[in-house]
Amino acid sequence: MRFLADMGISPKTVVFLNSQGYDATHLRDSNLERLADPEVLSKARDEQRILLTHDLDFGELLAASGADLPSVIIFRLQNMRPERVNKTMLALINSYEDVLTSGAILSITDTKVRIRGLPIVDK
């Protein structure tokens, strides 16, 4: 699995994911700290990466676009320290790998995981 970390995610999480054998990068790695959200989504899609963020705007952008990728993990944890995020990431990868590879938005709180498959279609 490949990951792209948005600015709200610690670079320590990227280092951790790489140490676990995953291909992870941070926007800072490419000096893209000021990249607009639509371009961040495009970068993740073009590079076939799962976007890691705490920014709710990405879910809204994906819903409006009708796109089926990239998957996005939105962290809404009270404790966003890298150690907590890293532990949560391993659990997510182990439990939701199929969902993440097929296209979904996962919203993660301290008590639950909410999954919306992509594309999001209004009924």
PDB file of N, CA and C in Angstrom:
ATOM      1  N   MET A   1       0.843  -1.178   0.000  1.00  0.00           N
ATOM      2  CA  MET A   1       0.000   0.000   0.000  1.00  0.00           C
ATOM      3  C   MET A   1       0.886   1.239   0.000  1.00  0.00           C
ATOM      4  N   ARG A   2       0.355   2.278  -0.632  1.00  0.00           N
ATOM      5  CA  ARG A   2       1.090   3.536  -0.755  1.00  0.00           C
ATOM      6  C   ARG A   2       0.280   4.644  -0.089  1.00  0.00           C
ATOM      7  N   PHE A   3       0.980   5.545   0.614  1.00  0.00           N
ATOM      8  CA  PHE A   3       0.318   6.592   1.377  1.00  0.00           C
ATOM      9  C   PHE A   3       0.921   7.955   1.071  1.00  0.00           C
ATOM     10  N   LEU A   4       0.062   8.990   1.141  1.00  0.00           N
ATOM     11  CA  LEU A   4       0.476  10.380   1.063  1.00  0.00           C
ATOM     12  C   LEU A   4      -0.068  11.081   2.287  1.00  0.00           C
ATOM     13  N   ALA A   5       0.816  11.666   3.092  1.00  0.00           N
ATOM     14  CA  ALA A   5       0.412  12.363   4.308  1.00  0.00           C
ATOM     15  C   ALA A   5       0.230  13.852   4.027  1.00  0.00           C
ATOM     16  N   ASP A   6      -0.921  14.351   4.420  1.00  0.00           N
ATOM     17  CA  ASP A   6      -1.228  15.773   4.328  1.00  0.00           C
ATOM     18  C   ASP A   6      -0.485  16.510   5.452  1.00  0.00           C
ATOM     19  N   MET A   7      -0.524  17.823   5.438  1.00  0.00           N
ATOM     20  CA  MET A   7       0.271  18.624   6.362  1.00  0.00           C
ATOM     21  C   MET A   7      -0.087  18.401   7.833  1.00  0.00           C
ATOM     22  N   GLY A   8      -1.296  18.020   8.148  1.00  0.00           N
ATOM     23  CA  GLY A   8      -1.688  17.807   9.541  1.00  0.00           C
ATOM     24  C   GLY A   8      -1.193  16.500  10.127  1.00  0.00           C
ATOM     25  N   ILE A   9      -0.609  15.660   9.313  1.00  0.00           N
ATOM     26  CA  ILE A   9      -0.086  14.365   9.764  1.00  0.00           C
ATOM     27  C   ILE A   9       1.412  14.506   9.997  1.00  0.00           C
ATOM     28  N   SER A  10       1.867  13.979  11.114  1.00  0.00           N
ATOM     29  CA  SER A  10       3.285  14.096  11.461  1.00  0.00           C
ATOM     30  C   SER A  10       4.171  13.331  10.475  1.00  0.00           C
ATOM     31  N   PRO A  11       5.301  13.913  10.107  1.00  0.00           N
ATOM     32  CA  PRO A  11       6.274  13.167   9.301  1.00  0.00           C
ATOM     33  C   PRO A  11       6.742  11.891  10.004  1.00  0.00           C
ATOM     34  N   LYS A  12       6.625  11.828  11.318  1.00  0.00           N
ATOM     35  CA  LYS A  12       6.994  10.616  12.056  1.00  0.00           C
ATOM     36  C   LYS A  12       6.111   9.439  11.662  1.00  0.00           C
ATOM     37  N   THR A  13       4.871   9.717  11.291  1.00  0.00           N
ATOM     38  CA  THR A  13       3.981   8.644  10.826  1.00  0.00           C
ATOM     39  C   THR A  13       4.460   8.107   9.488  1.00  0.00           C
ATOM     40  N   VAL A  14       4.967   8.972   8.624  1.00  0.00           N
ATOM     41  CA  VAL A  14       5.522   8.544   7.335  1.00  0.00           C
ATOM     42  C   VAL A  14       6.741   7.655   7.569  1.00  0.00           C
ATOM     43  N   VAL A  15       7.621   8.072   8.467  1.00  0.00           N
ATOM     44  CA  VAL A  15       8.801   7.268   8.798  1.00  0.00           C
ATOM     45  C   VAL A  15       8.368   5.912   9.335  1.00  0.00           C
ATOM     46  N   PHE A  16       7.362   5.912  10.208  1.00  0.00           N
ATOM     47  CA  PHE A  16       6.853   4.660  10.773  1.00  0.00           C
ATOM     48  C   PHE A  16       6.303   3.741   9.678  1.00  0.00           C
ATOM     49  N   LEU A  17       5.471   4.276   8.796  1.00  0.00           N
ATOM     50  CA  LEU A  17       4.892   3.447   7.727  1.00  0.00           C
ATOM     51  C   LEU A  17       5.976   2.871   6.828  1.00  0.00           C
ATOM     52  N   ASN A  18       6.971   3.681   6.498  1.00  0.00           N
ATOM     53  CA  ASN A  18       8.086   3.180   5.687  1.00  0.00           C
ATOM     54  C   ASN A  18       8.832   2.062   6.417  1.00  0.00           C
ATOM     55  N   SER A  19       8.993   2.192   7.727  1.00  0.00           N
ATOM     56  CA  SER A  19       9.690   1.159   8.500  1.00  0.00           C
ATOM     57  C   SER A  19       8.895  -0.149   8.543  1.00  0.00           C
ATOM     58  N   GLN A  20       7.599  -0.063   8.309  1.00  0.00           N
ATOM     59  CA  GLN A  20       6.742  -1.244   8.281  1.00  0.00           C
ATOM     60  C   GLN A  20       6.644  -1.849   6.881  1.00  0.00           C
ATOM     61  N   GLY A  21       7.380  -1.284   5.932  1.00  0.00           N
ATOM     62  CA  GLY A  21       7.410  -1.826   4.576  1.00  0.00           C
ATOM     63  C   GLY A  21       6.445  -1.183   3.606  1.00  0.00           C
ATOM     64  N   TYR A  22       5.763  -0.128   4.022  1.00  0.00           N
ATOM     65  CA  TYR A  22       4.837   0.573   3.129  1.00  0.00           C
ATOM     66  C   TYR A  22       5.564   1.719   2.438  1.00  0.00           C
ATOM     67  N   ASP A  23       5.023   2.144   1.329  1.00  0.00           N
ATOM     68  CA  ASP A  23       5.563   3.267   0.576  1.00  0.00           C
ATOM     69  C   ASP A  23       4.781   4.510   0.999  1.00  0.00           C
ATOM     70  N   ALA A  24       5.401   5.339   1.822  1.00  0.00           N
ATOM     71  CA  ALA A  24       4.717   6.522   2.334  1.00  0.00           C
ATOM     72  C   ALA A  24       5.573   7.757   2.091  1.00  0.00           C
ATOM     73  N   THR A  25       4.898   8.866   1.806  1.00  0.00           N
ATOM     74  CA  THR A  25       5.568  10.148   1.614  1.00  0.00           C
ATOM     75  C   THR A  25       4.715  11.242   2.230  1.00  0.00           C
ATOM     76  N   HIS A  26       5.337  12.350   2.518  1.00  0.00           N
ATOM     77  CA  HIS A  26       4.660  13.505   3.111  1.00  0.00           C
ATOM     78  C   HIS A  26       4.724  14.646   2.102  1.00  0.00           C
ATOM     79  N   LEU A  27       3.727  15.513   2.103  1.00  0.00           N
ATOM     80  CA  LEU A  27       3.761  16.669   1.199  1.00  0.00           C
ATOM     81  C   LEU A  27       5.042  17.477   1.385  1.00  0.00           C
ATOM     82  N   ARG A  28       5.545  17.534   2.625  1.00  0.00           N
ATOM     83  CA  ARG A  28       6.795  18.270   2.889  1.00  0.00           C
ATOM     84  C   ARG A  28       7.973  17.685   2.119  1.00  0.00           C
ATOM     85  N   ASP A  29       7.941  16.365   1.895  1.00  0.00           N
ATOM     86  CA  ASP A  29       9.058  15.716   1.195  1.00  0.00           C
ATOM     87  C   ASP A  29       9.288  16.302  -0.198  1.00  0.00           C
ATOM     88  N   SER A  30       8.211  16.814  -0.795  1.00  0.00           N
ATOM     89  CA  SER A  30       8.295  17.390  -2.140  1.00  0.00           C
ATOM     90  C   SER A  30       8.123  18.902  -2.125  1.00  0.00           C
ATOM     91  N   ASN A  31       8.251  19.515  -0.946  1.00  0.00           N
ATOM     92  CA  ASN A  31       8.059  20.963  -0.796  1.00  0.00           C
ATOM     93  C   ASN A  31       6.701  21.420  -1.311  1.00  0.00           C
ATOM     94  N   LEU A  32       5.663  20.634  -0.992  1.00  0.00           N
ATOM     95  CA  LEU A  32       4.312  20.946  -1.463  1.00  0.00           C
ATOM     96  C   LEU A  32       3.393  21.347  -0.304  1.00  0.00           C
ATOM     97  N   GLU A  33       3.958  22.017   0.687  1.00  0.00           N
ATOM     98  CA  GLU A  33       3.203  22.403   1.870  1.00  0.00           C
ATOM     99  C   GLU A  33       1.987  23.267   1.553  1.00  0.00           C
ATOM    100  N   ARG A  34       2.059  24.042   0.508  1.00  0.00           N
ATOM    101  CA  ARG A  34       0.976  24.978   0.173  1.00  0.00           C
ATOM    102  C   ARG A  34       0.093  24.488  -0.974  1.00  0.00           C
ATOM    103  N   LEU A  35       0.231  23.246  -1.344  1.00  0.00           N
ATOM    104  CA  LEU A  35      -0.579  22.701  -2.429  1.00  0.00           C
ATOM    105  C   LEU A  35      -2.055  22.728  -2.050  1.00  0.00           C
ATOM    106  N   ALA A  36      -2.892  23.210  -2.952  1.00  0.00           N
ATOM    107  CA  ALA A  36      -4.334  23.294  -2.702  1.00  0.00           C
ATOM    108  C   ALA A  36      -4.940  21.895  -2.602  1.00  0.00           C
ATOM    109  N   ASP A  37      -6.007  21.788  -1.832  1.00  0.00           N
ATOM    110  CA  ASP A  37      -6.625  20.485  -1.591  1.00  0.00           C
ATOM    111  C   ASP A  37      -6.964  19.708  -2.871  1.00  0.00           C
ATOM    112  N   PRO A  38      -7.560  20.331  -3.896  1.00  0.00           N
ATOM    113  CA  PRO A  38      -7.840  19.556  -5.112  1.00  0.00           C
ATOM    114  C   PRO A  38      -6.574  18.971  -5.749  1.00  0.00           C
ATOM    115  N   GLU A  39      -5.475  19.716  -5.682  1.00  0.00           N
ATOM    116  CA  GLU A  39      -4.219  19.221  -6.245  1.00  0.00           C
ATOM    117  C   GLU A  39      -3.628  18.110  -5.387  1.00  0.00           C
ATOM    118  N   VAL A  40      -3.838  18.184  -4.074  1.00  0.00           N
ATOM    119  CA  VAL A  40      -3.392  17.098  -3.190  1.00  0.00           C
ATOM    120  C   VAL A  40      -4.127  15.818  -3.562  1.00  0.00           C
ATOM    121  N   LEU A  41      -5.436  15.916  -3.761  1.00  0.00           N
ATOM    122  CA  LEU A  41      -6.212  14.735  -4.180  1.00  0.00           C
ATOM    123  C   LEU A  41      -5.721  14.204  -5.515  1.00  0.00           C
ATOM    124  N   SER A  42      -5.451  15.098  -6.453  1.00  0.00           N
ATOM    125  CA  SER A  42      -4.952  14.667  -7.768  1.00  0.00           C
ATOM    126  C   SER A  42      -3.609  13.959  -7.636  1.00  0.00           C
ATOM    127  N   LYS A  43      -2.732  14.501  -6.798  1.00  0.00           N
ATOM    128  CA  LYS A  43      -1.425  13.877  -6.586  1.00  0.00           C
ATOM    129  C   LYS A  43      -1.602  12.472  -6.011  1.00  0.00           C
ATOM    130  N   ALA A  44      -2.451  12.339  -5.008  1.00  0.00           N
ATOM    131  CA  ALA A  44      -2.690  11.020  -4.409  1.00  0.00           C
ATOM    132  C   ALA A  44      -3.261  10.054  -5.455  1.00  0.00           C
ATOM    133  N   ARG A  45      -4.202  10.521  -6.246  1.00  0.00           N
ATOM    134  CA  ARG A  45      -4.804   9.670  -7.285  1.00  0.00           C
ATOM    135  C   ARG A  45      -3.770   9.278  -8.338  1.00  0.00           C
ATOM    136  N   ASP A  46      -3.011  10.252  -8.838  1.00  0.00           N
ATOM    137  CA  ASP A  46      -2.020   9.990  -9.881  1.00  0.00           C
ATOM    138  C   ASP A  46      -0.942   9.019  -9.414  1.00  0.00           C
ATOM    139  N   GLU A  47      -0.570   9.112  -8.134  1.00  0.00           N
ATOM    140  CA  GLU A  47       0.479   8.253  -7.587  1.00  0.00           C
ATOM    141  C   GLU A  47      -0.070   6.992  -6.929  1.00  0.00           C
ATOM    142  N   GLN A  48      -1.387   6.801  -7.029  1.00  0.00           N
ATOM    143  CA  GLN A  48      -2.068   5.632  -6.452  1.00  0.00           C
ATOM    144  C   GLN A  48      -1.743   5.488  -4.965  1.00  0.00           C
ATOM    145  N   ARG A  49      -1.948   6.602  -4.230  1.00  0.00           N
ATOM    146  CA  ARG A  49      -1.682   6.634  -2.795  1.00  0.00           C
ATOM    147  C   ARG A  49      -2.972   6.885  -2.030  1.00  0.00           C
ATOM    148  N   ILE A  50      -3.022   6.373  -0.826  1.00  0.00           N
ATOM    149  CA  ILE A  50      -4.112   6.637   0.105  1.00  0.00           C
ATOM    150  C   ILE A  50      -3.743   7.901   0.862  1.00  0.00           C
ATOM    151  N   LEU A  51      -4.648   8.868   0.878  1.00  0.00           N
ATOM    152  CA  LEU A  51      -4.371  10.143   1.524  1.00  0.00           C
ATOM    153  C   LEU A  51      -4.670  10.057   3.017  1.00  0.00           C
ATOM    154  N   LEU A  52      -3.727  10.487   3.827  1.00  0.00           N
ATOM    155  CA  LEU A  52      -3.880  10.562   5.277  1.00  0.00           C
ATOM    156  C   LEU A  52      -4.027  12.023   5.660  1.00  0.00           C
ATOM    157  N   THR A  53      -5.088  12.360   6.396  1.00  0.00           N
ATOM    158  CA  THR A  53      -5.359  13.758   6.709  1.00  0.00           C
ATOM    159  C   THR A  53      -6.214  13.868   7.967  1.00  0.00           C
ATOM    160  N   HIS A  54      -6.383  15.075   8.454  1.00  0.00           N
ATOM    161  CA  HIS A  54      -7.400  15.346   9.470  1.00  0.00           C
ATOM    162  C   HIS A  54      -8.366  16.411   8.949  1.00  0.00           C
ATOM    163  N   ASP A  55      -8.217  16.779   7.698  1.00  0.00           N
ATOM    164  CA  ASP A  55      -8.997  17.834   7.052  1.00  0.00           C
ATOM    165  C   ASP A  55     -10.272  17.254   6.432  1.00  0.00           C
ATOM    166  N   LEU A  56     -11.412  17.682   6.947  1.00  0.00           N
ATOM    167  CA  LEU A  56     -12.696  17.178   6.451  1.00  0.00           C
ATOM    168  C   LEU A  56     -12.995  17.589   5.013  1.00  0.00           C
ATOM    169  N   ASP A  57     -12.327  18.615   4.519  1.00  0.00           N
ATOM    170  CA  ASP A  57     -12.580  19.090   3.160  1.00  0.00           C
ATOM    171  C   ASP A  57     -12.345  18.016   2.099  1.00  0.00           C
ATOM    172  N   PHE A  58     -11.431  17.098   2.351  1.00  0.00           N
ATOM    173  CA  PHE A  58     -11.130  16.076   1.340  1.00  0.00           C
ATOM    174  C   PHE A  58     -12.315  15.148   1.100  1.00  0.00           C
ATOM    175  N   GLY A  59     -13.041  14.822   2.142  1.00  0.00           N
ATOM    176  CA  GLY A  59     -14.240  14.005   1.972  1.00  0.00           C
ATOM    177  C   GLY A  59     -15.278  14.711   1.128  1.00  0.00           C
ATOM    178  N   GLU A  60     -15.454  15.999   1.384  1.00  0.00           N
ATOM    179  CA  GLU A  60     -16.412  16.790   0.611  1.00  0.00           C
ATOM    180  C   GLU A  60     -15.983  16.913  -0.852  1.00  0.00           C
ATOM    181  N   LEU A  61     -14.695  17.122  -1.072  1.00  0.00           N
ATOM    182  CA  LEU A  61     -14.191  17.222  -2.446  1.00  0.00           C
ATOM    183  C   LEU A  61     -14.398  15.917  -3.214  1.00  0.00           C
ATOM    184  N   LEU A  62     -14.117  14.800  -2.556  1.00  0.00           N
ATOM    185  CA  LEU A  62     -14.310  13.503  -3.214  1.00  0.00           C
ATOM    186  C   LEU A  62     -15.779  13.256  -3.516  1.00  0.00           C
ATOM    187  N   ALA A  63     -16.650  13.573  -2.569  1.00  0.00           N
ATOM    188  CA  ALA A  63     -18.081  13.380  -2.784  1.00  0.00           C
ATOM    189  C   ALA A  63     -18.567  14.217  -3.968  1.00  0.00           C
ATOM    190  N   ALA A  64     -18.125  15.464  -4.039  1.00  0.00           N
ATOM    191  CA  ALA A  64     -18.551  16.351  -5.122  1.00  0.00           C
ATOM    192  C   ALA A  64     -17.998  15.917  -6.468  1.00  0.00           C
ATOM    193  N   SER A  65     -16.827  15.307  -6.466  1.00  0.00           N
ATOM    194  CA  SER A  65     -16.181  14.935  -7.734  1.00  0.00           C
ATOM    195  C   SER A  65     -16.762  13.672  -8.361  1.00  0.00           C
ATOM    196  N   GLY A  66     -17.331  12.803  -7.534  1.00  0.00           N
ATOM    197  CA  GLY A  66     -17.821  11.528  -8.045  1.00  0.00           C
ATOM    198  C   GLY A  66     -16.715  10.533  -8.337  1.00  0.00           C
ATOM    199  N   ALA A  67     -15.494  10.840  -7.907  1.00  0.00           N
ATOM    200  CA  ALA A  67     -14.342   9.969  -8.171  1.00  0.00           C
ATOM    201  C   ALA A  67     -14.384   8.719  -7.295  1.00  0.00           C
ATOM    202  N   ASP A  68     -13.751   7.661  -7.781  1.00  0.00           N
ATOM    203  CA  ASP A  68     -13.704   6.420  -7.010  1.00  0.00           C
ATOM    204  C   ASP A  68     -12.353   6.212  -6.322  1.00  0.00           C
ATOM    205  N   LEU A  69     -11.408   7.089  -6.576  1.00  0.00           N
ATOM    206  CA  LEU A  69     -10.097   7.069  -5.928  1.00  0.00           C
ATOM    207  C   LEU A  69      -9.611   8.509  -5.843  1.00  0.00           C
ATOM    208  N   PRO A  70      -8.742   8.842  -4.936  1.00  0.00           N
ATOM    209  CA  PRO A  70      -8.030   7.976  -4.000  1.00  0.00           C
ATOM    210  C   PRO A  70      -8.840   7.734  -2.736  1.00  0.00           C
ATOM    211  N   SER A  71      -8.491   6.680  -2.034  1.00  0.00           N
ATOM    212  CA  SER A  71      -9.049   6.496  -0.701  1.00  0.00           C
ATOM    213  C   SER A  71      -8.458   7.567   0.210  1.00  0.00           C
ATOM    214  N   VAL A  72      -9.241   7.943   1.215  1.00  0.00           N
ATOM    215  CA  VAL A  72      -8.809   8.960   2.171  1.00  0.00           C
ATOM    216  C   VAL A  72      -9.101   8.455   3.571  1.00  0.00           C
ATOM    217  N   ILE A  73      -8.127   8.589   4.444  1.00  0.00           N
ATOM    218  CA  ILE A  73      -8.322   8.304   5.866  1.00  0.00           C
ATOM    219  C   ILE A  73      -8.295   9.650   6.575  1.00  0.00           C
ATOM    220  N   ILE A  74      -9.437   9.993   7.199  1.00  0.00           N
ATOM    221  CA  ILE A  74      -9.564  11.253   7.925  1.00  0.00           C
ATOM    222  C   ILE A  74      -9.504  10.948   9.415  1.00  0.00           C
ATOM    223  N   PHE A  75      -8.459  11.424  10.053  1.00  0.00           N
ATOM    224  CA  PHE A  75      -8.278  11.192  11.487  1.00  0.00           C
ATOM    225  C   PHE A  75      -8.983  12.286  12.275  1.00  0.00           C
ATOM    226  N   ARG A  76      -9.855  11.868  13.189  1.00  0.00           N
ATOM    227  CA  ARG A  76     -10.562  12.778  14.087  1.00  0.00           C
ATOM    228  C   ARG A  76     -10.301  12.355  15.532  1.00  0.00           C
ATOM    229  N   LEU A  77      -9.075  11.938  15.794  1.00  0.00           N
ATOM    230  CA  LEU A  77      -8.679  11.469  17.117  1.00  0.00           C
ATOM    231  C   LEU A  77      -8.433  12.663  18.036  1.00  0.00           C
ATOM    232  N   GLN A  78      -8.781  12.511  19.305  1.00  0.00           N
ATOM    233  CA  GLN A  78      -8.478  13.577  20.261  1.00  0.00           C
ATOM    234  C   GLN A  78      -6.972  13.690  20.473  1.00  0.00           C
ATOM    235  N   ASN A  79      -6.286  12.562  20.438  1.00  0.00           N
ATOM    236  CA  ASN A  79      -4.838  12.526  20.589  1.00  0.00           C
ATOM    237  C   ASN A  79      -4.230  12.218  19.220  1.00  0.00           C
ATOM    238  N   MET A  80      -3.640  13.239  18.607  1.00  0.00           N
ATOM    239  CA  MET A  80      -3.050  13.061  17.272  1.00  0.00           C
ATOM    240  C   MET A  80      -1.533  12.892  17.342  1.00  0.00           C
ATOM    241  N   ARG A  81      -1.019  12.499  18.493  1.00  0.00           N
ATOM    242  CA  ARG A  81       0.417  12.235  18.596  1.00  0.00           C
ATOM    243  C   ARG A  81       0.766  11.091  17.652  1.00  0.00           C
ATOM    244  N   PRO A  82       1.953  11.143  17.068  1.00  0.00           N
ATOM    245  CA  PRO A  82       2.337  10.118  16.093  1.00  0.00           C
ATOM    246  C   PRO A  82       2.182   8.686  16.611  1.00  0.00           C
ATOM    247  N   GLU A  83       2.509   8.445  17.867  1.00  0.00           N
ATOM    248  CA  GLU A  83       2.405   7.079  18.400  1.00  0.00           C
ATOM    249  C   GLU A  83       0.962   6.569  18.320  1.00  0.00           C
ATOM    250  N   ARG A  84       0.008   7.440  18.619  1.00  0.00           N
ATOM    251  CA  ARG A  84      -1.416   7.067  18.566  1.00  0.00           C
ATOM    252  C   ARG A  84      -1.859   6.856  17.123  1.00  0.00           C
ATOM    253  N   VAL A  85      -1.460   7.770  16.256  1.00  0.00           N
ATOM    254  CA  VAL A  85      -1.821   7.649  14.840  1.00  0.00           C
ATOM    255  C   VAL A  85      -1.192   6.387  14.243  1.00  0.00           C
ATOM    256  N   ASN A  86       0.052   6.100  14.581  1.00  0.00           N
ATOM    257  CA  ASN A  86       0.740   4.920  14.048  1.00  0.00           C
ATOM    258  C   ASN A  86       0.034   3.637  14.461  1.00  0.00           C
ATOM    259  N   LYS A  87      -0.325   3.537  15.727  1.00  0.00           N
ATOM    260  CA  LYS A  87      -1.037   2.357  16.220  1.00  0.00           C
ATOM    261  C   LYS A  87      -2.376   2.211  15.495  1.00  0.00           C
ATOM    262  N   THR A  88      -3.055   3.320  15.322  1.00  0.00           N
ATOM    263  CA  THR A  88      -4.345   3.306  14.617  1.00  0.00           C
ATOM    264  C   THR A  88      -4.155   2.899  13.162  1.00  0.00           C
ATOM    265  N   MET A  89      -3.097   3.388  12.525  1.00  0.00           N
ATOM    266  CA  MET A  89      -2.824   3.027  11.127  1.00  0.00           C
ATOM    267  C   MET A  89      -2.653   1.526  10.952  1.00  0.00           C
ATOM    268  N   LEU A  90      -1.887   0.890  11.823  1.00  0.00           N
ATOM    269  CA  LEU A  90      -1.693  -0.561  11.702  1.00  0.00           C
ATOM    270  C   LEU A  90      -3.010  -1.303  11.826  1.00  0.00           C
ATOM    271  N   ALA A  91      -3.848  -0.887  12.753  1.00  0.00           N
ATOM    272  CA  ALA A  91      -5.151  -1.527  12.916  1.00  0.00           C
ATOM    273  C   ALA A  91      -6.017  -1.320  11.674  1.00  0.00           C
ATOM    274  N   LEU A  92      -5.986  -0.126  11.112  1.00  0.00           N
ATOM    275  CA  LEU A  92      -6.775   0.159   9.911  1.00  0.00           C
ATOM    276  C   LEU A  92      -6.310  -0.673   8.723  1.00  0.00           C
ATOM    277  N   ILE A  93      -5.010  -0.729   8.532  1.00  0.00           N
ATOM    278  CA  ILE A  93      -4.472  -1.503   7.413  1.00  0.00           C
ATOM    279  C   ILE A  93      -4.865  -2.972   7.552  1.00  0.00           C
ATOM    280  N   ASN A  94      -4.742  -3.500   8.751  1.00  0.00           N
ATOM    281  CA  ASN A  94      -5.077  -4.910   8.980  1.00  0.00           C
ATOM    282  C   ASN A  94      -6.561  -5.193   8.791  1.00  0.00           C
ATOM    283  N   SER A  95      -7.413  -4.268   9.187  1.00  0.00           N
ATOM    284  CA  SER A  95      -8.858  -4.505   9.146  1.00  0.00           C
ATOM    285  C   SER A  95      -9.537  -4.064   7.856  1.00  0.00           C
ATOM    286  N   TYR A  96      -8.976  -3.063   7.181  1.00  0.00           N
ATOM    287  CA  TYR A  96      -9.694  -2.442   6.061  1.00  0.00           C
ATOM    288  C   TYR A  96      -8.885  -2.369   4.768  1.00  0.00           C
ATOM    289  N   GLU A  97      -7.923  -3.236   4.593  1.00  0.00           N
ATOM    290  CA  GLU A  97      -7.082  -3.188   3.395  1.00  0.00           C
ATOM    291  C   GLU A  97      -7.905  -3.267   2.114  1.00  0.00           C
ATOM    292  N   ASP A  98      -8.865  -4.192   2.054  1.00  0.00           N
ATOM    293  CA  ASP A  98      -9.687  -4.348   0.845  1.00  0.00           C
ATOM    294  C   ASP A  98     -10.474  -3.085   0.533  1.00  0.00           C
ATOM    295  N   VAL A  99     -11.061  -2.488   1.554  1.00  0.00           N
ATOM    296  CA  VAL A  99     -11.849  -1.272   1.376  1.00  0.00           C
ATOM    297  C   VAL A  99     -10.961  -0.133   0.887  1.00  0.00           C
ATOM    298  N   LEU A 100      -9.782  -0.013   1.490  1.00  0.00           N
ATOM    299  CA  LEU A 100      -8.869   1.067   1.116  1.00  0.00           C
ATOM    300  C   LEU A 100      -8.365   0.930  -0.311  1.00  0.00           C
ATOM    301  N   THR A 101      -8.113  -0.278  -0.760  1.00  0.00           N
ATOM    302  CA  THR A 101      -7.602  -0.460  -2.120  1.00  0.00           C
ATOM    303  C   THR A 101      -8.698  -0.300  -3.174  1.00  0.00           C
ATOM    304  N   SER A 102      -9.962  -0.509  -2.789  1.00  0.00           N
ATOM    305  CA  SER A 102     -11.038  -0.376  -3.773  1.00  0.00           C
ATOM    306  C   SER A 102     -11.616   1.035  -3.843  1.00  0.00           C
ATOM    307  N   GLY A 103     -11.328   1.879  -2.854  1.00  0.00           N
ATOM    308  CA  GLY A 103     -11.789   3.262  -2.873  1.00  0.00           C
ATOM    309  C   GLY A 103     -12.807   3.556  -1.803  1.00  0.00           C
ATOM    310  N   ALA A 104     -12.400   4.304  -0.774  1.00  0.00           N
ATOM    311  CA  ALA A 104     -13.308   4.633   0.321  1.00  0.00           C
ATOM    312  C   ALA A 104     -12.777   5.828   1.101  1.00  0.00           C
ATOM    313  N   ILE A 105     -13.693   6.437   1.838  1.00  0.00           N
ATOM    314  CA  ILE A 105     -13.329   7.445   2.814  1.00  0.00           C
ATOM    315  C   ILE A 105     -13.540   6.814   4.178  1.00  0.00           C
ATOM    316  N   LEU A 106     -12.493   6.770   4.979  1.00  0.00           N
ATOM    317  CA  LEU A 106     -12.590   6.274   6.347  1.00  0.00           C
ATOM    318  C   LEU A 106     -12.430   7.458   7.276  1.00  0.00           C
ATOM    319  N   SER A 107     -13.408   7.660   8.133  1.00  0.00           N
ATOM    320  CA  SER A 107     -13.354   8.708   9.137  1.00  0.00           C
ATOM    321  C   SER A 107     -13.144   8.022  10.480  1.00  0.00           C
ATOM    322  N   ILE A 108     -12.042   8.363  11.148  1.00  0.00           N
ATOM    323  CA  ILE A 108     -11.607   7.649  12.332  1.00  0.00           C
ATOM    324  C   ILE A 108     -11.747   8.544  13.553  1.00  0.00           C
ATOM    325  N   THR A 109     -12.541   8.105  14.531  1.00  0.00           N
ATOM    326  CA  THR A 109     -12.610   8.791  15.817  1.00  0.00           C
ATOM    327  C   THR A 109     -12.064   7.843  16.877  1.00  0.00           C
ATOM    328  N   ASP A 110     -12.065   8.296  18.106  1.00  0.00           N
ATOM    329  CA  ASP A 110     -11.576   7.452  19.197  1.00  0.00           C
ATOM    330  C   ASP A 110     -12.467   6.238  19.433  1.00  0.00           C
ATOM    331  N   THR A 111     -13.708   6.301  18.996  1.00  0.00           N
ATOM    332  CA  THR A 111     -14.642   5.213  19.302  1.00  0.00           C
ATOM    333  C   THR A 111     -15.163   4.445  18.093  1.00  0.00           C
ATOM    334  N   LYS A 112     -14.965   4.969  16.881  1.00  0.00           N
ATOM    335  CA  LYS A 112     -15.500   4.232  15.733  1.00  0.00           C
ATOM    336  C   LYS A 112     -14.786   4.575  14.432  1.00  0.00           C
ATOM    337  N   VAL A 113     -15.050   3.711  13.458  1.00  0.00           N
ATOM    338  CA  VAL A 113     -14.567   3.900  12.093  1.00  0.00           C
ATOM    339  C   VAL A 113     -15.798   3.987  11.203  1.00  0.00           C
ATOM    340  N   ARG A 114     -15.928   5.085  10.491  1.00  0.00           N
ATOM    341  CA  ARG A 114     -17.038   5.249   9.556  1.00  0.00           C
ATOM    342  C   ARG A 114     -16.477   5.080   8.152  1.00  0.00           C
ATOM    343  N   ILE A 115     -17.124   4.243   7.352  1.00  0.00           N
ATOM    344  CA  ILE A 115     -16.645   3.943   6.004  1.00  0.00           C
ATOM    345  C   ILE A 115     -17.700   4.362   4.985  1.00  0.00           C
ATOM    346  N   ARG A 116     -17.251   5.110   3.980  1.00  0.00           N
ATOM    347  CA  ARG A 116     -18.109   5.440   2.837  1.00  0.00           C
ATOM    348  C   ARG A 116     -17.391   4.988   1.582  1.00  0.00           C
ATOM    349  N   GLY A 117     -17.982   4.059   0.878  1.00  0.00           N
ATOM    350  CA  GLY A 117     -17.398   3.594  -0.378  1.00  0.00           C
ATOM    351  C   GLY A 117     -17.431   4.684  -1.431  1.00  0.00           C
ATOM    352  N   LEU A 118     -16.464   4.629  -2.314  1.00  0.00           N
ATOM    353  CA  LEU A 118     -16.388   5.578  -3.423  1.00  0.00           C
ATOM    354  C   LEU A 118     -16.795   4.892  -4.714  1.00  0.00           C
ATOM    355  N   PRO A 119     -17.396   5.579  -5.651  1.00  0.00           N
ATOM    356  CA  PRO A 119     -17.798   6.970  -5.581  1.00  0.00           C
ATOM    357  C   PRO A 119     -19.038   7.150  -4.697  1.00  0.00           C
ATOM    358  N   ILE A 120     -19.179   8.347  -4.155  1.00  0.00           N
ATOM    359  CA  ILE A 120     -20.352   8.683  -3.343  1.00  0.00           C
ATOM    360  C   ILE A 120     -21.419   9.193  -4.290  1.00  0.00           C
ATOM    361  N   VAL A 121     -22.560   8.526  -4.269  1.00  0.00           N
ATOM    362  CA  VAL A 121     -23.651   8.874  -5.186  1.00  0.00           C
ATOM    363  C   VAL A 121     -24.862   9.274  -4.351  1.00  0.00           C
ATOM    364  N   ASP A 122     -25.388  10.455  -4.617  1.00  0.00           N
ATOM    365  CA  ASP A 122     -26.607  10.894  -3.923  1.00  0.00           C
ATOM    366  C   ASP A 122     -27.788  10.153  -4.507  1.00  0.00           C
ATOM    367  N   LYS A 123     -28.686   9.764  -3.610  1.00  0.00           N
ATOM    368  CA  LYS A 123     -29.871   9.017  -4.064  1.00  0.00           C
ATOM    369  C   LYS A 123     -31.037   9.922  -4.247  1.00  0.00           C
TER     370      LYS A 123
END
